[in-house]
Structures are given as C-alpha cells and as structure tokens.
C-alpha cells in the first residue's frame, strides 16, 4: 500500500483546498530544517512538500483519490486509446525548497521568521506571501539528437513538453502540453544551444525556467564529422595502394564521387576532396572538405614467382 498524503499533512480525506494549504503552511514551518534540528527533519520536510505538490493540484489529487499512489506514479489507462493509452506517471521533482519558496515567496523566505538578533518573530501567515524578490528557476537542459543528414540539409524538429501552467485564479495550476519548434540550420554543430525563455513550470512566486536544448550528433555509419569536414575510410588492396586507383564515395546528399588516387597510399595518407564536407553555418553555399582515409589490405599468401617479381620491383 502506498503512502497516505493526507496523513502526511495530518488531514482527513475530506480536506478542502484551504485545509491543505493551512496544514502545509503550519507543518512546513514547524519541520523546516533551518528551524527543526532533529535528524529526521529533512525527510519529513521533503514528504510534506511531495504531499502538498500532489494534493494542491486538482488533476493529481483526483487521480490519487481514485487510484492511490500506485496509480498516480504508475499511470492510469485513458478512456480513449492511441499510441500511448496510459497517462504519464507522476514523479516528484525532489526539491522541497522549491515547493516552500513557491508557497511563501522570496529567495530565502524562511529568513523572515528571525529578527536581527536571531530570535524568532511571530508574524501573521498572510503577510509572508510575495514579500521576497522573484527568483527564476535554474535552466532545464535537454539533448537534441540529430543525424548528420539533419545537420547537412537543415530540418524542423517539433518537441512536445509537459509543464505546469497557472490557472486563472492565480493559485492553482494544471499540467499542459506544448509544442516547441526548432528550425535546425544547415551546418549546426554538436554543442549548439537553443534556448526557449521562461517555458518551464509556472508558479505564483517564481519566474519560469528557461528550457535549453543542446545538439548532439548521432553516429553515422559511413562518415565522422571533424568541424566542418567529413571523414570516411575506404578499403583498397596493397597493389592499388602502390600503383594508384579510383575510389567511389557516396556523399550525404546521394551523389557518387569517383576520386582518382594517383599518390602512393601509405597508412597515414589522407586524400582531401575540397568542398565536399558539411555546409558552413555562415554561408551554407560553401562547404568544408571530404577527408578520405585508407584501410590497406595485404595478400594472405604469395606464390614464389610473385615474390620474385616483387623483390625485383621493390628491392632493385
């Protein structure tokens, strides 16, 4: 059986929204680790925050009242099917200070309960809300995984996020989905950052966090990117490495290049093909280079006659 959020707040199942707020206000102040020095205070403070986070939200409270903690955190079946016929499970963000700060307001709201000499102040609860300065939540950073083809051509990515949005009453909130659109530009590199300002969870006394996506390049089966250049490896036999050959390379945009190799190919040799790499971000009409490295295969055996020919050709 899951934990009883009502019992955590010392309430009965029939508690109203006002009862929930009053109980959290009283118990959070009493059990805050800055005030209560008992070893169990941090965990008690965290449990109070989780209980309030659930019971103060009508949607989460409704699921919890009907299905309990297991249904709330594990997800419940939706009435209408689809690609995902289950709701997303609830996960507490595990930041009780954030819940406390949103409830009372201010950067360090608990500091208001002490006078300059350190003695406790007796203040009316209603006078605390909104007295502190607004503070923005830390940025939310997520990876944006893109293929080399995405970064070569450019593309549009649509990402669905779920965030807490304040209702019109300014006190309650609802989890809602939103689509963020990212226009990937040709030539973007790994580490490129795209920021959507203030798209994080909303709250009565906070500035929503920025959401930042960081480009991560997916591994490619044929090419490896090196800045604006593309590198690939082709296999040729020893004979062609010595006398020359032509190698075929299929580019990212589907063209077949026939590259003549007139030099002697040694293990560290690299053939540079200008203008066949990645588009330059500053000017996508220009490109980096294609770097071709070679894997040279040696014969597994040679006949005596061939050995004599090689000896004559190479050692004379």
C-alpha atoms as a PDB file:
ATOM      1  CA  UNK A   1       0.000   0.000   0.000  1.00  0.00           C
ATOM      2  CA  UNK A   2       1.311   3.439  -0.959  1.00  0.00           C
ATOM      3  CA  UNK A   3       1.874   6.352   1.360  1.00  0.00           C
ATOM      4  CA  UNK A   4      -1.079   8.405   2.607  1.00  0.00           C
ATOM      5  CA  UNK A   5      -0.540  12.025   1.570  1.00  0.00           C
ATOM      6  CA  UNK A   6      -3.468  13.135   3.715  1.00  0.00           C
ATOM      7  CA  UNK A   7      -1.895  11.521   6.769  1.00  0.00           C
ATOM      8  CA  UNK A   8       1.430  13.219   5.985  1.00  0.00           C
ATOM      9  CA  UNK A   9      -0.359  16.572   6.245  1.00  0.00           C
ATOM     10  CA  UNK A  10      -2.339  15.322   9.262  1.00  0.00           C
ATOM     11  CA  UNK A  11      -5.626  15.667   7.387  1.00  0.00           C
ATOM     12  CA  UNK A  12      -8.660  13.543   6.693  1.00  0.00           C
ATOM     13  CA  UNK A  13      -9.836  12.500   3.229  1.00  0.00           C
ATOM     14  CA  UNK A  14     -12.476  15.220   3.185  1.00  0.00           C
ATOM     15  CA  UNK A  15      -9.951  18.063   3.479  1.00  0.00           C
ATOM     16  CA  UNK A  16     -10.672  21.142   1.375  1.00  0.00           C
ATOM     17  CA  UNK A  17      -8.137  23.134  -0.625  1.00  0.00           C
ATOM     18  CA  UNK A  18      -7.995  25.691   2.185  1.00  0.00           C
ATOM     19  CA  UNK A  19      -7.369  22.896   4.722  1.00  0.00           C
ATOM     20  CA  UNK A  20      -4.484  21.575   2.604  1.00  0.00           C
ATOM     21  CA  UNK A  21      -2.858  24.997   2.337  1.00  0.00           C
ATOM     22  CA  UNK A  22      -3.264  25.650   6.061  1.00  0.00           C
ATOM     23  CA  UNK A  23      -1.819  22.271   7.012  1.00  0.00           C
ATOM     24  CA  UNK A  24       1.189  22.605   4.738  1.00  0.00           C
ATOM     25  CA  UNK A  25       1.872  26.150   5.973  1.00  0.00           C
ATOM     26  CA  UNK A  26       1.836  25.017   9.595  1.00  0.00           C
ATOM     27  CA  UNK A  27       3.840  21.800   9.195  1.00  0.00           C
ATOM     28  CA  UNK A  28       6.400  23.160   6.708  1.00  0.00           C
ATOM     29  CA  UNK A  29       7.289  25.983   9.097  1.00  0.00           C
ATOM     30  CA  UNK A  30       7.451  23.614  12.050  1.00  0.00           C
ATOM     31  CA  UNK A  31       9.606  20.997  10.295  1.00  0.00           C
ATOM     32  CA  UNK A  32      11.826  23.184   8.131  1.00  0.00           C
ATOM     33  CA  UNK A  33      15.464  22.017   8.602  1.00  0.00           C
ATOM     34  CA  UNK A  34      16.526  25.579   9.414  1.00  0.00           C
ATOM     35  CA  UNK A  35      14.243  25.532  12.411  1.00  0.00           C
ATOM     36  CA  UNK A  36      13.942  21.882  13.386  1.00  0.00           C
ATOM     37  CA  UNK A  37      17.348  20.328  14.074  1.00  0.00           C
ATOM     38  CA  UNK A  38      16.122  16.765  14.518  1.00  0.00           C
ATOM     39  CA  UNK A  39      17.859  14.267  12.167  1.00  0.00           C
ATOM     40  CA  UNK A  40      14.536  13.272  10.603  1.00  0.00           C
ATOM     41  CA  UNK A  41      13.565  16.874   9.721  1.00  0.00           C
ATOM     42  CA  UNK A  42      14.888  16.942   6.093  1.00  0.00           C
ATOM     43  CA  UNK A  43      12.998  13.774   5.153  1.00  0.00           C
ATOM     44  CA  UNK A  44       9.848  14.965   6.931  1.00  0.00           C
ATOM     45  CA  UNK A  45      10.139  18.314   5.139  1.00  0.00           C
ATOM     46  CA  UNK A  46      10.525  16.503   1.790  1.00  0.00           C
ATOM     47  CA  UNK A  47       7.478  14.305   2.402  1.00  0.00           C
ATOM     48  CA  UNK A  48       5.392  17.352   3.306  1.00  0.00           C
ATOM     49  CA  UNK A  49       6.429  19.021   0.060  1.00  0.00           C
ATOM     50  CA  UNK A  50       5.533  15.963  -2.025  1.00  0.00           C
ATOM     51  CA  UNK A  51       2.163  15.604  -0.297  1.00  0.00           C
ATOM     52  CA  UNK A  52       1.355  19.279  -0.894  1.00  0.00           C
ATOM     53  CA  UNK A  53       2.575  19.089  -4.508  1.00  0.00           C
ATOM     54  CA  UNK A  54       0.044  16.306  -5.159  1.00  0.00           C
ATOM     55  CA  UNK A  55      -2.948  17.436  -3.096  1.00  0.00           C
ATOM     56  CA  UNK A  56      -2.758  21.102  -4.156  1.00  0.00           C
ATOM     57  CA  UNK A  57      -3.081  20.146  -7.831  1.00  0.00           C
ATOM     58  CA  UNK A  58      -6.673  19.213  -8.786  1.00  0.00           C
ATOM     59  CA  UNK A  59      -5.629  16.787 -11.532  1.00  0.00           C
ATOM     60  CA  UNK A  60      -3.045  14.904  -9.473  1.00  0.00           C
ATOM     61  CA  UNK A  61      -5.329  14.946  -6.422  1.00  0.00           C
ATOM     62  CA  UNK A  62      -8.177  13.483  -8.461  1.00  0.00           C
ATOM     63  CA  UNK A  63      -6.015  10.605  -9.717  1.00  0.00           C
ATOM     64  CA  UNK A  64      -4.607   9.998  -6.241  1.00  0.00           C
ATOM     65  CA  UNK A  65      -8.034   9.999  -4.583  1.00  0.00           C
ATOM     66  CA  UNK A  66      -9.305   7.405  -7.042  1.00  0.00           C
ATOM     67  CA  UNK A  67      -6.261   5.227  -7.744  1.00  0.00           C
ATOM     68  CA  UNK A  68      -3.868   5.896  -4.853  1.00  0.00           C
ATOM     69  CA  UNK A  69      -0.111   6.421  -5.037  1.00  0.00           C
ATOM     70  CA  UNK A  70       0.379   3.396  -7.300  1.00  0.00           C
ATOM     71  CA  UNK A  71      -1.982   4.770  -9.950  1.00  0.00           C
ATOM     72  CA  UNK A  72      -0.607   8.296  -9.602  1.00  0.00           C
ATOM     73  CA  UNK A  73       3.017   7.263 -10.116  1.00  0.00           C
ATOM     74  CA  UNK A  74       2.484   4.300 -12.414  1.00  0.00           C
ATOM     75  CA  UNK A  75      -0.051   5.884 -14.755  1.00  0.00           C
ATOM     76  CA  UNK A  76      -3.696   5.050 -15.373  1.00  0.00           C
ATOM     77  CA  UNK A  77      -5.463   3.894 -18.558  1.00  0.00           C
ATOM     78  CA  UNK A  78      -7.081   6.588 -20.664  1.00  0.00           C
ATOM     79  CA  UNK A  79     -10.652   6.304 -21.861  1.00  0.00           C
ATOM     80  CA  UNK A  80      -9.589   6.615 -25.480  1.00  0.00           C
ATOM     81  CA  UNK A  81      -6.707   4.644 -26.941  1.00  0.00           C
ATOM     82  CA  UNK A  82      -3.855   5.930 -29.057  1.00  0.00           C
ATOM     83  CA  UNK A  83      -0.147   5.495 -29.381  1.00  0.00           C
ATOM     84  CA  UNK A  84       0.149   5.687 -25.597  1.00  0.00           C
ATOM     85  CA  UNK A  85      -3.111   4.614 -23.861  1.00  0.00           C
ATOM     86  CA  UNK A  86      -1.709   5.355 -20.381  1.00  0.00           C
ATOM     87  CA  UNK A  87      -1.166   8.652 -18.614  1.00  0.00           C
ATOM     88  CA  UNK A  88       2.387   9.655 -17.734  1.00  0.00           C
ATOM     89  CA  UNK A  89       3.256   8.714 -14.165  1.00  0.00           C
ATOM     90  CA  UNK A  90       3.848  11.398 -11.564  1.00  0.00           C
ATOM     91  CA  UNK A  91       7.431  11.940 -10.420  1.00  0.00           C
ATOM     92  CA  UNK A  92       8.143  14.351  -7.586  1.00  0.00           C
ATOM     93  CA  UNK A  93      10.980  16.719  -8.541  1.00  0.00           C
ATOM     94  CA  UNK A  94      12.526  16.092  -5.099  1.00  0.00           C
ATOM     95  CA  UNK A  95      13.126  19.777  -4.398  1.00  0.00           C
ATOM     96  CA  UNK A  96      11.183  20.606  -1.209  1.00  0.00           C
ATOM     97  CA  UNK A  97      12.817  24.050  -1.039  1.00  0.00           C
ATOM     98  CA  UNK A  98      11.221  24.876  -4.402  1.00  0.00           C
ATOM     99  CA  UNK A  99       7.750  23.981  -3.082  1.00  0.00           C
ATOM    100  CA  UNK A 100       8.379  26.033   0.071  1.00  0.00           C
ATOM    101  CA  UNK A 101       9.652  29.012  -1.930  1.00  0.00           C
ATOM    102  CA  UNK A 102       6.696  28.941  -4.320  1.00  0.00           C
ATOM    103  CA  UNK A 103       4.253  28.793  -1.405  1.00  0.00           C
ATOM    104  CA  UNK A 104       5.726  31.632   0.682  1.00  0.00           C
ATOM    105  CA  UNK A 105       7.606  33.618  -1.985  1.00  0.00           C
ATOM    106  CA  UNK A 106      11.088  35.097  -1.799  1.00  0.00           C
ATOM    107  CA  UNK A 107      14.640  33.932  -2.333  1.00  0.00           C
ATOM    108  CA  UNK A 108      15.070  32.856   1.281  1.00  0.00           C
ATOM    109  CA  UNK A 109      11.575  33.147   2.773  1.00  0.00           C
ATOM    110  CA  UNK A 110      12.464  31.352   5.982  1.00  0.00           C
ATOM    111  CA  UNK A 111      14.862  34.147   6.915  1.00  0.00           C
ATOM    112  CA  UNK A 112      11.835  36.356   7.570  1.00  0.00           C
ATOM    113  CA  UNK A 113      10.980  34.335  10.680  1.00  0.00           C
ATOM    114  CA  UNK A 114      14.020  35.593  12.606  1.00  0.00           C
ATOM    115  CA  UNK A 115      14.935  39.006  13.938  1.00  0.00           C
ATOM    116  CA  UNK A 116      18.408  40.513  13.539  1.00  0.00           C
ATOM    117  CA  UNK A 117      19.464  39.049  16.895  1.00  0.00           C
ATOM    118  CA  UNK A 118      18.408  35.566  15.795  1.00  0.00           C
ATOM    119  CA  UNK A 119      15.272  35.389  17.921  1.00  0.00           C
ATOM    120  CA  UNK A 120      12.070  34.050  16.387  1.00  0.00           C
ATOM    121  CA  UNK A 121       9.484  36.504  15.076  1.00  0.00           C
ATOM    122  CA  UNK A 122       5.754  35.936  15.348  1.00  0.00           C
ATOM    123  CA  UNK A 123       4.257  37.091  12.064  1.00  0.00           C
ATOM    124  CA  UNK A 124       0.813  36.596  10.543  1.00  0.00           C
ATOM    125  CA  UNK A 125       0.958  33.960   7.829  1.00  0.00           C
ATOM    126  CA  UNK A 126      -0.866  36.121   5.311  1.00  0.00           C
ATOM    127  CA  UNK A 127       1.872  38.729   5.408  1.00  0.00           C
ATOM    128  CA  UNK A 128       4.511  36.422   4.005  1.00  0.00           C
ATOM    129  CA  UNK A 129       3.339  35.749   0.502  1.00  0.00           C
ATOM    130  CA  UNK A 130       5.166  37.675  -2.184  1.00  0.00           C
ATOM    131  CA  UNK A 131       7.387  39.691   0.153  1.00  0.00           C
ATOM    132  CA  UNK A 132      10.642  38.342  -1.253  1.00  0.00           C
ATOM    133  CA  UNK A 133      12.216  39.045  -4.607  1.00  0.00           C
ATOM    134  CA  UNK A 134      11.136  36.902  -7.552  1.00  0.00           C
ATOM    135  CA  UNK A 135      13.712  34.268  -8.477  1.00  0.00           C
ATOM    136  CA  UNK A 136      13.953  32.272 -11.677  1.00  0.00           C
ATOM    137  CA  UNK A 137      14.233  28.502 -11.521  1.00  0.00           C
ATOM    138  CA  UNK A 138      17.521  27.080 -12.872  1.00  0.00           C
ATOM    139  CA  UNK A 139      17.519  26.279 -16.612  1.00  0.00           C
ATOM    140  CA  UNK A 140      16.319  22.892 -17.820  1.00  0.00           C
ATOM    141  CA  UNK A 141      18.847  21.360 -20.229  1.00  0.00           C
ATOM    142  CA  UNK A 142      17.956  18.523 -22.620  1.00  0.00           C
ATOM    143  CA  UNK A 143      19.809  16.825 -25.502  1.00  0.00           C
ATOM    144  CA  UNK A 144      18.619  17.266 -29.088  1.00  0.00           C
ATOM    145  CA  UNK A 145      19.952  14.258 -31.017  1.00  0.00           C
ATOM    146  CA  UNK A 146      20.315  14.921 -34.754  1.00  0.00           C
ATOM    147  CA  UNK A 147      21.658  12.862 -37.639  1.00  0.00           C
ATOM    148  CA  UNK A 148      24.387  14.157 -39.963  1.00  0.00           C
ATOM    149  CA  UNK A 149      21.718  14.392 -42.650  1.00  0.00           C
ATOM    150  CA  UNK A 150      19.637  16.673 -40.383  1.00  0.00           C
ATOM    151  CA  UNK A 151      22.681  18.901 -39.876  1.00  0.00           C
ATOM    152  CA  UNK A 152      23.612  18.774 -43.563  1.00  0.00           C
ATOM    153  CA  UNK A 153      20.257  19.791 -45.010  1.00  0.00           C
ATOM    154  CA  UNK A 154      18.676  21.514 -42.024  1.00  0.00           C
ATOM    155  CA  UNK A 155      15.240  20.459 -40.794  1.00  0.00           C
ATOM    156  CA  UNK A 156      12.412  21.312 -38.405  1.00  0.00           C
ATOM    157  CA  UNK A 157      12.003  19.428 -35.138  1.00  0.00           C
ATOM    158  CA  UNK A 158       8.828  19.625 -33.058  1.00  0.00           C
ATOM    159  CA  UNK A 159       9.215  18.652 -29.399  1.00  0.00           C
ATOM    160  CA  UNK A 160       6.309  18.153 -27.019  1.00  0.00           C
ATOM    161  CA  UNK A 161       6.868  19.235 -23.422  1.00  0.00           C
ATOM    162  CA  UNK A 162       4.611  18.974 -20.395  1.00  0.00           C
ATOM    163  CA  UNK A 163       4.725  21.865 -17.959  1.00  0.00           C
ATOM    164  CA  UNK A 164       2.773  23.310 -15.064  1.00  0.00           C
ATOM    165  CA  UNK A 165       0.613  26.288 -16.126  1.00  0.00           C
ATOM    166  CA  UNK A 166      -1.137  28.612 -13.694  1.00  0.00           C
ATOM    167  CA  UNK A 167      -4.907  28.744 -13.846  1.00  0.00           C
ATOM    168  CA  UNK A 168      -6.853  31.991 -14.000  1.00  0.00           C
ATOM    169  CA  UNK A 169      -7.318  32.056 -10.226  1.00  0.00           C
ATOM    170  CA  UNK A 170      -3.564  32.610  -9.825  1.00  0.00           C
ATOM    171  CA  UNK A 171      -3.321  29.907  -7.141  1.00  0.00           C
ATOM    172  CA  UNK A 172      -3.964  26.512  -8.732  1.00  0.00           C
ATOM    173  CA  UNK A 173      -2.157  25.022 -11.701  1.00  0.00           C
ATOM    174  CA  UNK A 174      -2.607  22.402 -14.409  1.00  0.00           C
ATOM    175  CA  UNK A 175      -0.181  20.217 -16.340  1.00  0.00           C
ATOM    176  CA  UNK A 176      -0.485  21.052 -20.037  1.00  0.00           C
ATOM    177  CA  UNK A 177       1.383  20.012 -23.162  1.00  0.00           C
ATOM    178  CA  UNK A 178       3.056  22.466 -25.520  1.00  0.00           C
ATOM    179  CA  UNK A 179       4.880  22.002 -28.824  1.00  0.00           C
ATOM    180  CA  UNK A 180       8.267  23.707 -29.179  1.00  0.00           C
ATOM    181  CA  UNK A 181       9.540  24.149 -32.741  1.00  0.00           C
ATOM    182  CA  UNK A 182      13.262  24.127 -33.542  1.00  0.00           C
ATOM    183  CA  UNK A 183      14.421  25.173 -37.018  1.00  0.00           C
ATOM    184  CA  UNK A 184      17.721  23.338 -37.453  1.00  0.00           C
ATOM    185  CA  UNK A 185      20.086  25.294 -39.703  1.00  0.00           C
ATOM    186  CA  UNK A 186      22.494  23.591 -42.149  1.00  0.00           C
ATOM    187  CA  UNK A 187      25.940  23.449 -40.562  1.00  0.00           C
ATOM    188  CA  UNK A 188      24.915  23.401 -36.899  1.00  0.00           C
ATOM    189  CA  UNK A 189      27.497  21.584 -34.802  1.00  0.00           C
ATOM    190  CA  UNK A 190      27.490  19.431 -31.702  1.00  0.00           C
ATOM    191  CA  UNK A 191      27.061  21.656 -28.673  1.00  0.00           C
ATOM    192  CA  UNK A 192      24.863  24.245 -30.418  1.00  0.00           C
ATOM    193  CA  UNK A 193      22.377  25.523 -27.819  1.00  0.00           C
ATOM    194  CA  UNK A 194      18.779  26.556 -28.493  1.00  0.00           C
ATOM    195  CA  UNK A 195      17.002  28.292 -25.607  1.00  0.00           C
ATOM    196  CA  UNK A 196      13.281  28.832 -25.095  1.00  0.00           C
ATOM    197  CA  UNK A 197      12.959  31.510 -22.449  1.00  0.00           C
ATOM    198  CA  UNK A 198      10.587  31.010 -19.496  1.00  0.00           C
ATOM    199  CA  UNK A 199       8.948  27.854 -20.841  1.00  0.00           C
ATOM    200  CA  UNK A 200       9.392  25.876 -17.607  1.00  0.00           C
ATOM    201  CA  UNK A 201       6.847  25.306 -14.840  1.00  0.00           C
ATOM    202  CA  UNK A 202       4.843  28.334 -13.808  1.00  0.00           C
ATOM    203  CA  UNK A 203       4.211  29.246 -10.177  1.00  0.00           C
ATOM    204  CA  UNK A 204       2.662  32.113  -8.217  1.00  0.00           C
ATOM    205  CA  UNK A 205       6.011  33.456  -6.962  1.00  0.00           C
ATOM    206  CA  UNK A 206       8.603  32.250  -9.460  1.00  0.00           C
ATOM    207  CA  UNK A 207       9.937  33.130 -12.880  1.00  0.00           C
ATOM    208  CA  UNK A 208       9.644  30.001 -15.068  1.00  0.00           C
ATOM    209  CA  UNK A 209      12.898  28.325 -16.019  1.00  0.00           C
ATOM    210  CA  UNK A 210      14.405  28.589 -19.484  1.00  0.00           C
ATOM    211  CA  UNK A 211      14.470  25.339 -21.468  1.00  0.00           C
ATOM    212  CA  UNK A 212      17.703  24.767 -23.397  1.00  0.00           C
ATOM    213  CA  UNK A 213      18.306  22.059 -25.995  1.00  0.00           C
ATOM    214  CA  UNK A 214      21.906  21.066 -26.772  1.00  0.00           C
ATOM    215  CA  UNK A 215      22.667  19.495 -30.163  1.00  0.00           C
ATOM    216  CA  UNK A 216      24.183  16.013 -30.020  1.00  0.00           C
ATOM    217  CA  UNK A 217      25.293  14.368 -33.276  1.00  0.00           C
ATOM    218  CA  UNK A 218      24.178  10.789 -33.846  1.00  0.00           C
ATOM    219  CA  UNK A 219      26.799   8.305 -35.009  1.00  0.00           C
ATOM    220  CA  UNK A 220      26.810   7.847 -38.797  1.00  0.00           C
ATOM    221  CA  UNK A 221      27.551   4.508 -40.464  1.00  0.00           C
ATOM    222  CA  UNK A 222      29.928   5.997 -43.075  1.00  0.00           C
ATOM    223  CA  UNK A 223      31.126   9.441 -42.032  1.00  0.00           C
ATOM    224  CA  UNK A 224      32.645  11.087 -39.000  1.00  0.00           C
ATOM    225  CA  UNK A 225      32.468  14.826 -38.660  1.00  0.00           C
ATOM    226  CA  UNK A 226      35.560  16.880 -37.877  1.00  0.00           C
ATOM    227  CA  UNK A 227      34.465  20.507 -37.500  1.00  0.00           C
ATOM    228  CA  UNK A 228      33.197  21.418 -40.997  1.00  0.00           C
ATOM    229  CA  UNK A 229      34.918  18.438 -42.637  1.00  0.00           C
ATOM    230  CA  UNK A 230      33.650  14.912 -43.176  1.00  0.00           C
ATOM    231  CA  UNK A 231      35.972  11.931 -42.839  1.00  0.00           C
ATOM    232  CA  UNK A 232      35.458   8.414 -44.161  1.00  0.00           C
ATOM    233  CA  UNK A 233      37.519   5.254 -44.536  1.00  0.00           C
ATOM    234  CA  UNK A 234      37.718   3.157 -47.701  1.00  0.00           C
ATOM    235  CA  UNK A 235      39.428  -0.195 -48.152  1.00  0.00           C
ATOM    236  CA  UNK A 236      41.832  -0.883 -51.046  1.00  0.00           C
ATOM    237  CA  UNK A 237      44.257  -3.732 -51.707  1.00  0.00           C
ATOM    238  CA  UNK A 238      48.011  -3.252 -51.408  1.00  0.00           C
ATOM    239  CA  UNK A 239      48.527  -3.339 -55.160  1.00  0.00           C
ATOM    240  CA  UNK A 240      46.191  -0.383 -55.770  1.00  0.00           C
ATOM    241  CA  UNK A 241      47.763   1.459 -52.844  1.00  0.00           C
ATOM    242  CA  UNK A 242      51.100   1.234 -54.666  1.00  0.00           C
ATOM    243  CA  UNK A 243      50.124   1.843 -58.292  1.00  0.00           C
ATOM    244  CA  UNK A 244      47.048   4.060 -57.933  1.00  0.00           C
ATOM    245  CA  UNK A 245      43.302   3.569 -58.388  1.00  0.00           C
ATOM    246  CA  UNK A 246      39.903   5.247 -58.318  1.00  0.00           C
ATOM    247  CA  UNK A 247      37.656   5.054 -55.258  1.00  0.00           C
ATOM    248  CA  UNK A 248      33.900   5.623 -55.161  1.00  0.00           C
ATOM    249  CA  UNK A 249      32.340   7.629 -52.309  1.00  0.00           C
ATOM    250  CA  UNK A 250      28.600   8.143 -51.899  1.00  0.00           C
ATOM    251  CA  UNK A 251      28.015  11.624 -50.405  1.00  0.00           C
ATOM    252  CA  UNK A 252      25.448  12.599 -47.771  1.00  0.00           C
ATOM    253  CA  UNK A 253      23.253  14.091 -50.489  1.00  0.00           C
ATOM    254  CA  UNK A 254      23.349  10.880 -52.553  1.00  0.00           C
ATOM    255  CA  UNK A 255      25.900  11.742 -55.269  1.00  0.00           C
ATOM    256  CA  UNK A 256      28.536   9.179 -56.291  1.00  0.00           C
ATOM    257  CA  UNK A 257      32.031  10.672 -56.428  1.00  0.00           C
ATOM    258  CA  UNK A 258      34.792   8.950 -58.427  1.00  0.00           C
ATOM    259  CA  UNK A 259      38.021  10.056 -56.762  1.00  0.00           C
ATOM    260  CA  UNK A 260      41.312   9.293 -58.584  1.00  0.00           C
ATOM    261  CA  UNK A 261      44.180   8.305 -56.293  1.00  0.00           C
ATOM    262  CA  UNK A 262      47.477   8.887 -58.054  1.00  0.00           C
ATOM    263  CA  UNK A 263      49.727   9.001 -54.985  1.00  0.00           C
ATOM    264  CA  UNK A 264      51.249   6.042 -53.197  1.00  0.00           C
ATOM    265  CA  UNK A 265      48.880   5.332 -50.335  1.00  0.00           C
ATOM    266  CA  UNK A 266      50.680   4.748 -47.039  1.00  0.00           C
ATOM    267  CA  UNK A 267      48.952   4.017 -43.685  1.00  0.00           C
ATOM    268  CA  UNK A 268      48.775   7.721 -42.725  1.00  0.00           C
ATOM    269  CA  UNK A 269      47.829   9.010 -46.163  1.00  0.00           C
ATOM    270  CA  UNK A 270      44.716  11.192 -46.466  1.00  0.00           C
ATOM    271  CA  UNK A 271      43.083  12.277 -49.705  1.00  0.00           C
ATOM    272  CA  UNK A 272      41.470  15.718 -49.373  1.00  0.00           C
ATOM    273  CA  UNK A 273      38.499  16.463 -51.649  1.00  0.00           C
ATOM    274  CA  UNK A 274      37.712  20.195 -51.349  1.00  0.00           C
ATOM    275  CA  UNK A 275      34.133  21.382 -50.942  1.00  0.00           C
ATOM    276  CA  UNK A 276      32.512  18.003 -50.214  1.00  0.00           C
ATOM    277  CA  UNK A 277      32.128  18.335 -46.443  1.00  0.00           C
ATOM    278  CA  UNK A 278      29.478  19.952 -44.238  1.00  0.00           C
ATOM    279  CA  UNK A 279      27.824  23.281 -45.110  1.00  0.00           C
ATOM    280  CA  UNK A 280      29.390  26.291 -43.406  1.00  0.00           C
ATOM    281  CA  UNK A 281      26.969  27.870 -40.947  1.00  0.00           C
ATOM    282  CA  UNK A 282      27.977  31.404 -42.011  1.00  0.00           C
ATOM    283  CA  UNK A 283      27.433  30.574 -45.712  1.00  0.00           C
ATOM    284  CA  UNK A 284      25.667  27.239 -46.434  1.00  0.00           C
ATOM    285  CA  UNK A 285      26.597  27.553 -50.116  1.00  0.00           C
ATOM    286  CA  UNK A 286      30.180  26.802 -49.111  1.00  0.00           C
ATOM    287  CA  UNK A 287      31.321  23.529 -47.581  1.00  0.00           C
ATOM    288  CA  UNK A 288      34.197  22.013 -45.726  1.00  0.00           C
ATOM    289  CA  UNK A 289      36.305  19.212 -47.190  1.00  0.00           C
ATOM    290  CA  UNK A 290      35.933  15.461 -47.535  1.00  0.00           C
ATOM    291  CA  UNK A 291      38.807  13.565 -45.935  1.00  0.00           C
ATOM    292  CA  UNK A 292      39.364  10.031 -47.241  1.00  0.00           C
ATOM    293  CA  UNK A 293      41.489   7.669 -45.167  1.00  0.00           C
ATOM    294  CA  UNK A 294      42.507   4.214 -46.293  1.00  0.00           C
ATOM    295  CA  UNK A 295      42.447   0.723 -44.916  1.00  0.00           C
ATOM    296  CA  UNK A 296      45.076  -1.217 -46.888  1.00  0.00           C
ATOM    297  CA  UNK A 297      44.590  -4.958 -47.173  1.00  0.00           C
ATOM    298  CA  UNK A 298      47.618  -7.211 -47.668  1.00  0.00           C
ATOM    299  CA  UNK A 299      47.584 -10.509 -49.549  1.00  0.00           C
ATOM    300  CA  UNK A 300      47.301 -13.576 -47.341  1.00  0.00           C
ATOM    301  CA  UNK A 301      49.898 -15.503 -49.395  1.00  0.00           C
ATOM    302  CA  UNK A 302      52.152 -15.100 -52.424  1.00  0.00           C
ATOM    303  CA  UNK A 303      53.499 -17.662 -54.898  1.00  0.00           C
ATOM    304  CA  UNK A 304      57.285 -17.909 -55.294  1.00  0.00           C
ATOM    305  CA  UNK A 305      57.024 -16.276 -58.720  1.00  0.00           C
ATOM    306  CA  UNK A 306      55.147 -13.281 -57.370  1.00  0.00           C
ATOM    307  CA  UNK A 307      57.656 -12.933 -54.541  1.00  0.00           C
ATOM    308  CA  UNK A 308      60.471 -12.819 -57.057  1.00  0.00           C
ATOM    309  CA  UNK A 309      58.621 -10.176 -59.092  1.00  0.00           C
ATOM    310  CA  UNK A 310      58.033  -8.029 -56.010  1.00  0.00           C
ATOM    311  CA  UNK A 311      61.622  -8.434 -54.935  1.00  0.00           C
ATOM    312  CA  UNK A 312      62.808  -7.361 -58.353  1.00  0.00           C
ATOM    313  CA  UNK A 313      60.450  -4.352 -58.427  1.00  0.00           C
ATOM    314  CA  UNK A 314      60.864  -3.122 -54.871  1.00  0.00           C
ATOM    315  CA  UNK A 315      64.422  -4.023 -53.917  1.00  0.00           C
ATOM    316  CA  UNK A 316      66.272  -3.258 -57.100  1.00  0.00           C
END
